[in-house]
Protein backbone atom coordinates (compact mmCIF):
# COMPACT_ATOMS: atom_id res chain seq x y z
CA MET A 1 -74.39 -42.73 -17.36
CA ASN A 2 -78.15 -44.46 -18.03
CA LYS A 3 -79.92 -45.84 -15.73
CA GLN A 4 -78.74 -47.79 -13.04
CA ARG A 5 -79.86 -50.29 -10.38
CA ILE A 6 -77.20 -49.52 -7.95
CA PHE A 7 -77.10 -51.38 -4.63
CA ILE A 8 -74.67 -49.07 -2.10
CA THR A 9 -73.72 -50.08 1.67
CA GLY A 10 -72.92 -47.60 3.51
CA GLY A 11 -75.36 -45.50 2.36
CA THR A 12 -75.84 -43.61 5.45
CA GLY A 13 -72.74 -42.08 6.54
CA PHE A 14 -71.47 -38.54 4.71
CA ILE A 15 -70.17 -39.47 1.65
CA GLY A 16 -72.97 -41.91 0.91
CA GLN A 17 -76.07 -39.33 1.49
CA ALA A 18 -74.00 -37.02 -0.71
CA LEU A 19 -73.70 -40.46 -3.52
CA ILE A 20 -77.29 -41.18 -3.33
CA ALA A 21 -78.78 -37.46 -4.13
CA ARG A 22 -76.79 -37.27 -6.78
CA TRP A 23 -77.95 -40.24 -8.12
CA LEU A 24 -81.63 -39.85 -7.39
CA GLN A 25 -80.57 -36.53 -9.38
CA GLN A 26 -79.80 -38.86 -12.66
CA GLY A 27 -83.04 -41.09 -12.17
CA HIS A 28 -81.14 -44.32 -11.05
CA LEU A 29 -82.70 -46.84 -8.82
CA ILE A 30 -80.92 -47.21 -5.41
CA THR A 31 -80.66 -49.85 -2.67
CA VAL A 32 -78.89 -49.66 0.59
CA LEU A 33 -77.52 -51.98 3.12
CA SER A 34 -78.52 -50.22 6.63
CA ARG A 35 -79.15 -51.06 9.90
CA ARG A 36 -81.13 -48.42 9.94
CA PRO A 37 -83.47 -49.44 7.35
CA GLU A 38 -86.16 -47.04 8.20
CA TRP A 39 -84.59 -44.09 9.09
CA VAL A 40 -83.74 -45.10 5.19
CA GLN A 41 -87.05 -44.81 4.03
CA ARG A 42 -88.07 -41.57 6.19
CA HIS A 43 -85.11 -39.45 5.00
CA TRP A 44 -85.34 -40.76 1.23
CA GLN A 45 -89.16 -40.23 1.22
CA GLY A 46 -89.62 -43.75 0.26
CA LYS A 47 -87.25 -43.11 -3.37
CA VAL A 48 -84.97 -45.44 -1.34
CA VAL A 49 -84.79 -49.09 -1.07
CA ALA A 50 -83.65 -50.22 2.59
CA VAL A 51 -82.73 -53.83 3.62
CA SER A 52 -80.45 -54.93 6.71
CA ASP A 53 -79.81 -57.83 5.49
CA PHE A 54 -78.45 -59.87 2.24
CA GLN A 55 -80.83 -62.41 2.28
CA GLN A 56 -83.45 -59.38 1.40
CA LEU A 57 -82.35 -58.20 -1.68
CA SER A 58 -84.02 -59.84 -4.75
CA GLY A 59 -83.15 -59.21 -8.72
CA SER A 60 -79.78 -58.26 -10.24
CA PHE A 61 -78.29 -54.71 -9.64
CA ASP A 62 -76.15 -53.55 -12.92
CA VAL A 63 -73.46 -51.45 -9.86
CA LEU A 64 -72.03 -52.91 -6.41
CA VAL A 65 -70.72 -49.52 -4.15
CA ASN A 66 -69.37 -50.90 -0.83
CA LEU A 67 -68.50 -48.20 1.64
CA ALA A 68 -69.63 -49.63 4.99
CA GLY A 69 -67.48 -49.13 7.53
CA GLU A 70 -67.41 -47.41 11.23
CA GLY A 71 -65.38 -44.24 11.64
CA ILE A 72 -61.77 -45.34 11.79
CA ALA A 73 -61.42 -41.42 14.25
CA ASP A 74 -64.09 -42.06 15.74
CA ARG A 75 -63.51 -43.60 19.03
CA ARG A 76 -59.47 -44.56 20.46
CA TRP A 77 -58.37 -47.53 19.40
CA SER A 78 -59.20 -50.05 22.32
CA ARG A 79 -59.08 -53.82 21.69
CA ALA A 80 -62.49 -53.97 20.47
CA ARG A 81 -62.56 -50.98 18.87
CA LYS A 82 -60.04 -52.57 16.27
CA ALA A 83 -62.53 -55.55 16.40
CA GLU A 84 -65.50 -53.45 15.35
CA LEU A 85 -63.52 -51.40 12.56
CA TYR A 86 -62.33 -55.16 11.20
CA GLU A 87 -65.69 -56.25 11.15
CA SER A 88 -67.72 -53.62 9.68
CA ARG A 89 -65.02 -53.38 7.10
CA VAL A 90 -63.47 -56.97 6.36
CA GLU A 91 -65.85 -58.89 7.30
CA LEU A 92 -68.97 -57.21 6.14
CA THR A 93 -67.32 -57.50 2.66
CA GLN A 94 -66.67 -60.93 3.22
CA ALA A 95 -70.50 -61.37 3.75
CA LEU A 96 -71.15 -59.52 0.50
CA VAL A 97 -69.30 -61.24 -1.99
CA ARG A 98 -70.72 -64.47 -0.23
CA TRP A 99 -74.12 -63.03 -1.03
CA ALA A 100 -72.72 -61.74 -4.64
CA THR A 101 -71.35 -65.15 -5.90
CA LEU A 102 -74.61 -66.88 -4.37
CA SER A 103 -77.20 -65.08 -6.13
CA GLY A 104 -75.45 -64.80 -9.71
CA GLN A 105 -74.86 -61.59 -9.20
CA ARG A 106 -72.80 -59.83 -12.21
CA PHE A 107 -71.82 -56.57 -12.19
CA LYS A 108 -70.69 -53.83 -15.16
CA ARG A 109 -69.28 -52.16 -12.07
CA VAL A 110 -67.79 -52.61 -8.88
CA LEU A 111 -66.44 -49.66 -6.36
CA SER A 112 -64.97 -51.20 -2.66
CA GLY A 113 -64.02 -49.23 -0.19
CA SER A 114 -60.77 -48.76 0.99
CA ALA A 115 -58.57 -45.53 2.14
CA ILE A 116 -55.18 -43.98 2.17
CA GLY A 117 -53.80 -45.01 5.50
CA TYR A 118 -53.28 -48.31 2.82
CA TYR A 119 -49.73 -46.41 2.89
CA GLY A 120 -49.32 -46.48 6.19
CA GLY A 121 -48.15 -42.97 8.17
CA PHE A 122 -44.85 -40.60 7.89
CA ASP A 123 -43.69 -38.21 10.18
CA GLY A 124 -43.61 -34.40 9.36
CA ALA A 125 -42.61 -34.00 5.86
CA ALA A 126 -41.24 -37.60 5.23
CA SER A 127 -44.22 -38.92 3.00
CA PRO A 128 -42.24 -39.73 -0.83
CA ALA A 129 -44.93 -38.85 -3.61
CA LEU A 130 -47.52 -41.57 -3.43
CA ASP A 131 -49.00 -43.05 -6.08
CA GLU A 132 -51.21 -46.36 -6.82
CA THR A 133 -48.22 -48.25 -7.14
CA ALA A 134 -46.52 -47.62 -3.95
CA ASP A 135 -46.80 -50.20 -1.43
CA ALA A 136 -48.56 -51.21 1.45
CA GLY A 137 -47.52 -49.42 5.14
CA ASP A 138 -47.17 -51.46 8.49
CA ASP A 139 -49.40 -50.14 10.93
CA PHE A 140 -52.81 -50.60 12.37
CA ALA A 141 -55.18 -48.36 9.53
CA ALA A 142 -52.37 -49.82 6.72
CA ARG A 143 -53.55 -53.57 7.43
CA LEU A 144 -57.04 -52.58 7.82
CA CYS A 145 -56.73 -51.02 4.57
CA ARG A 146 -55.25 -54.10 2.98
CA ASP A 147 -57.00 -56.50 4.37
CA TRP A 148 -60.34 -55.00 3.76
CA GLU A 149 -59.37 -54.59 -0.22
CA GLN A 150 -58.07 -58.50 -0.11
CA ALA A 151 -61.65 -59.60 1.24
CA ALA A 152 -63.27 -57.93 -1.44
CA GLU A 153 -60.84 -59.81 -4.28
CA PRO A 154 -63.66 -62.38 -5.37
CA LEU A 155 -65.54 -59.66 -6.72
CA GLN A 156 -62.81 -59.55 -9.53
CA GLU A 157 -64.58 -62.42 -11.05
CA LEU A 158 -68.41 -60.67 -10.95
CA THR A 159 -67.51 -58.10 -12.59
CA GLY A 160 -66.00 -56.10 -15.68
CA ARG A 161 -64.49 -53.65 -13.41
CA LEU A 162 -63.23 -53.95 -9.88
CA VAL A 163 -61.83 -50.51 -8.41
CA TYR A 164 -60.75 -50.26 -4.74
CA LEU A 165 -61.39 -46.24 -3.37
CA ARG A 166 -58.22 -45.48 -1.55
CA THR A 167 -60.01 -42.66 -0.10
CA GLY A 168 -58.20 -39.79 1.58
CA VAL A 169 -60.41 -37.13 4.13
CA VAL A 170 -63.51 -35.91 2.35
CA LEU A 171 -63.95 -32.45 3.07
CA GLY A 172 -67.48 -30.67 2.95
CA SER A 173 -68.91 -28.14 5.81
CA HIS A 174 -71.83 -30.32 6.08
CA GLY A 175 -70.18 -33.63 7.48
CA GLY A 176 -67.02 -35.72 7.84
CA MET A 177 -63.32 -33.39 9.34
CA LEU A 178 -64.87 -30.25 8.49
CA LYS A 179 -68.13 -30.27 10.52
CA ARG A 180 -65.95 -31.23 13.37
CA LEU A 181 -63.69 -28.55 13.24
CA LYS A 182 -65.55 -25.85 12.36
CA LEU A 183 -67.11 -25.08 15.79
CA PRO A 184 -63.74 -25.45 17.72
CA PHE A 185 -61.92 -23.11 14.71
CA SER A 186 -65.18 -20.68 15.35
CA LEU A 187 -64.16 -20.16 18.54
CA GLY A 188 -60.63 -19.15 18.05
CA LEU A 189 -59.54 -22.69 19.30
CA GLY A 190 -57.86 -24.77 16.16
CA GLY A 191 -54.85 -24.31 16.21
CA VAL A 192 -51.43 -26.62 14.25
CA ILE A 193 -50.97 -30.20 15.12
CA GLY A 194 -47.91 -31.44 16.58
CA ASP A 195 -45.04 -30.19 14.45
CA GLY A 196 -47.36 -29.17 11.50
CA ARG A 197 -45.37 -30.74 8.91
CA GLN A 198 -47.47 -33.58 8.49
CA VAL A 199 -48.93 -33.80 4.94
CA LEU A 200 -52.59 -33.90 4.56
CA SER A 201 -54.03 -35.89 1.22
CA TRP A 202 -58.00 -34.52 0.60
CA ILE A 203 -60.63 -34.43 -1.70
CA SER A 204 -63.89 -31.70 -1.69
CA LEU A 205 -67.26 -33.91 -1.08
CA ASP A 206 -67.85 -32.81 -4.84
CA ASP A 207 -64.74 -34.27 -6.47
CA TYR A 208 -65.21 -37.45 -4.87
CA CYS A 209 -68.99 -37.52 -5.91
CA ARG A 210 -68.04 -36.59 -9.54
CA ALA A 211 -64.89 -39.27 -9.21
CA VAL A 212 -66.96 -41.93 -8.49
CA ASP A 213 -69.63 -41.53 -11.39
CA PHE A 214 -66.65 -41.09 -13.55
CA LEU A 215 -65.09 -44.56 -12.59
CA LEU A 216 -68.74 -45.89 -12.77
CA SER A 217 -67.66 -45.59 -17.13
CA ALA A 218 -64.26 -45.05 -17.16
CA ASP A 219 -61.50 -47.64 -18.60
CA VAL A 220 -60.26 -48.04 -14.95
CA SER A 221 -59.58 -50.64 -12.45
CA GLY A 222 -57.53 -51.83 -8.85
CA PRO A 223 -56.90 -49.34 -6.79
CA VAL A 224 -57.63 -45.24 -7.11
CA ASN A 225 -56.31 -42.43 -5.29
CA MET A 226 -59.91 -40.21 -4.37
CA THR A 227 -57.23 -37.20 -3.20
CA SER A 228 -56.51 -33.68 -4.53
CA PRO A 229 -53.55 -33.16 -6.81
CA ASN A 230 -52.50 -30.90 -4.29
CA PRO A 231 -52.43 -31.82 -0.89
CA GLU A 232 -50.86 -29.89 1.47
CA THR A 233 -49.41 -30.12 4.90
CA ASN A 234 -51.28 -29.75 8.55
CA ARG A 235 -49.90 -25.74 9.13
CA ALA A 236 -51.29 -25.11 6.04
CA PHE A 237 -54.33 -26.64 6.30
CA THR A 238 -54.96 -24.94 9.63
CA SER A 239 -53.91 -21.51 8.28
CA ALA A 240 -56.74 -21.95 5.37
CA LEU A 241 -59.18 -23.15 7.21
CA ALA A 242 -58.86 -20.15 10.04
CA SER A 243 -59.04 -17.35 7.17
CA ALA A 244 -62.22 -19.04 5.64
CA LEU A 245 -63.77 -18.72 8.71
CA LYS A 246 -61.97 -15.73 10.25
CA ARG A 247 -60.80 -16.67 13.40
CA PRO A 248 -57.12 -17.02 14.93
CA ALA A 249 -55.86 -19.76 15.15
CA LEU A 250 -53.79 -19.75 18.31
CA LEU A 251 -54.27 -22.72 20.56
CA PRO A 252 -51.90 -25.49 18.46
CA MET A 253 -51.83 -29.74 19.79
CA PRO A 254 -48.48 -30.45 21.00
CA SER A 255 -47.55 -34.30 19.55
CA CYS A 256 -47.96 -35.55 23.74
CA MET A 257 -51.42 -34.20 24.16
CA ALA A 258 -52.43 -35.48 21.06
CA LYS A 259 -50.89 -39.08 22.47
CA ALA A 260 -52.13 -38.57 25.88
CA ALA A 261 -55.73 -37.74 24.47
CA PHE A 262 -56.28 -39.55 21.90
CA GLY A 263 -53.75 -42.87 22.11
CA GLU A 264 -52.36 -45.37 19.24
CA MET A 265 -55.32 -42.97 17.31
CA SER A 266 -53.21 -39.84 17.42
CA LEU A 267 -51.72 -41.29 14.77
CA LEU A 268 -54.26 -40.20 11.93
CA LEU A 269 -53.19 -36.72 13.65
CA LEU A 270 -49.71 -37.22 13.95
CA LYS A 271 -48.59 -38.66 10.86
CA GLY A 272 -49.56 -37.81 7.37
CA GLN A 273 -48.96 -38.78 3.28
CA LYS A 274 -48.51 -37.51 0.45
CA VAL A 275 -51.21 -39.00 -1.98
CA LEU A 276 -51.33 -38.26 -5.57
CA PRO A 277 -54.49 -39.36 -7.67
CA GLN A 278 -52.36 -40.71 -10.43
CA GLN A 279 -55.24 -43.22 -11.94
CA LEU A 280 -57.93 -40.45 -12.59
CA THR A 281 -55.54 -37.79 -13.40
CA GLN A 282 -54.36 -39.81 -16.36
CA ALA A 283 -57.60 -41.04 -17.29
CA GLY A 284 -58.39 -37.62 -17.92
CA PHE A 285 -61.04 -36.55 -14.97
CA SER A 286 -60.44 -32.91 -14.02
CA PHE A 287 -60.69 -31.88 -10.63
CA HIS A 288 -63.26 -28.79 -9.66
CA ASP A 289 -61.14 -28.01 -6.33
CA ALA A 290 -57.66 -28.66 -7.11
CA ASP A 291 -56.86 -26.17 -4.06
CA ILE A 292 -58.17 -25.80 -0.69
CA THR A 293 -58.09 -22.69 0.31
CA PRO A 294 -60.60 -21.55 -2.21
CA LEU A 295 -62.93 -24.89 -1.77
CA LEU A 296 -62.47 -23.79 2.26
CA GLU A 297 -63.91 -20.14 1.13
CA ARG A 298 -66.83 -21.15 -0.74
CA GLU A 299 -67.67 -23.93 1.65
CA PHE A 300 -68.13 -21.58 4.51
CA HIS A 301 -69.07 -18.52 2.41
CA SER A 302 -71.28 -20.08 -0.24
CA GLY A 303 -74.67 -20.96 1.53
CA ILE A 304 -75.86 -24.18 1.46
CA TYR A 305 -74.08 -26.06 -1.09
CA GLN A 306 -75.12 -30.23 -2.42
CA ALA A 307 -72.55 -32.02 -3.62
CA GLY A 308 -73.33 -32.56 -7.40
CA ALA A 309 -74.59 -29.43 -7.72
CA ARG A 310 -72.18 -28.04 -10.00
């Protein structure tokens, strides 16, 4: 990919930071929208432009990557928390569209966030194989993803290619779900959740970043499932993680305990989706991390790991 001027929202998160590190190595010019612009400047030692408001932006951009959004699993889904999740995704994307339209942007590519929650959650092994043509679900996460994608639709008029990144669980030992699970599993406190048959559709952080770069030049548009071609059950993932950390996984979390602890948000733990990356596969993308066991072994036993280093 030739040198590009890239504007990213959500650049201070687990995925965003990995993308920025990769793009800086490639020589791109990066601008980040952040509520913490001073932190961004310090963290990237002035190599990245940071703004806290769309009105502070100037000039045109080649690429827009819209990943902003509060962590959906960070807190229980109270009414106020649901409003925060909606505002940080849907309303921010609507504001992004207004800025892009009024400032006359014409992007080569736009990649806008979404998630596999779009398809809804399925009990146990009940999930059918879900490619990008599958219908939306009807639970809160599905409605949130649907509205998020619809908010970005007007960007189609401002770019040659608009892609919706329907992201699965992104795995990297220095952030996201693996960072949260490392301590309890290292202490032997991990275990199967519910009946363990619910399907986890995942992707390594490295493959996610590589797939984003691939989509910035590939002849692909519309929804793209950002997942490995080999989803796993919660039971298989639990076993692989315990093995990688060389600890037993002896403390299961029954469904009733998950519901009591997390309320409606427990749906993220107790239900799953068997999501397949048909768009990426058909376009010729090659996964480095197609299987969960070697990925987890490497993440926890190969020392410091940086996305995009291979």
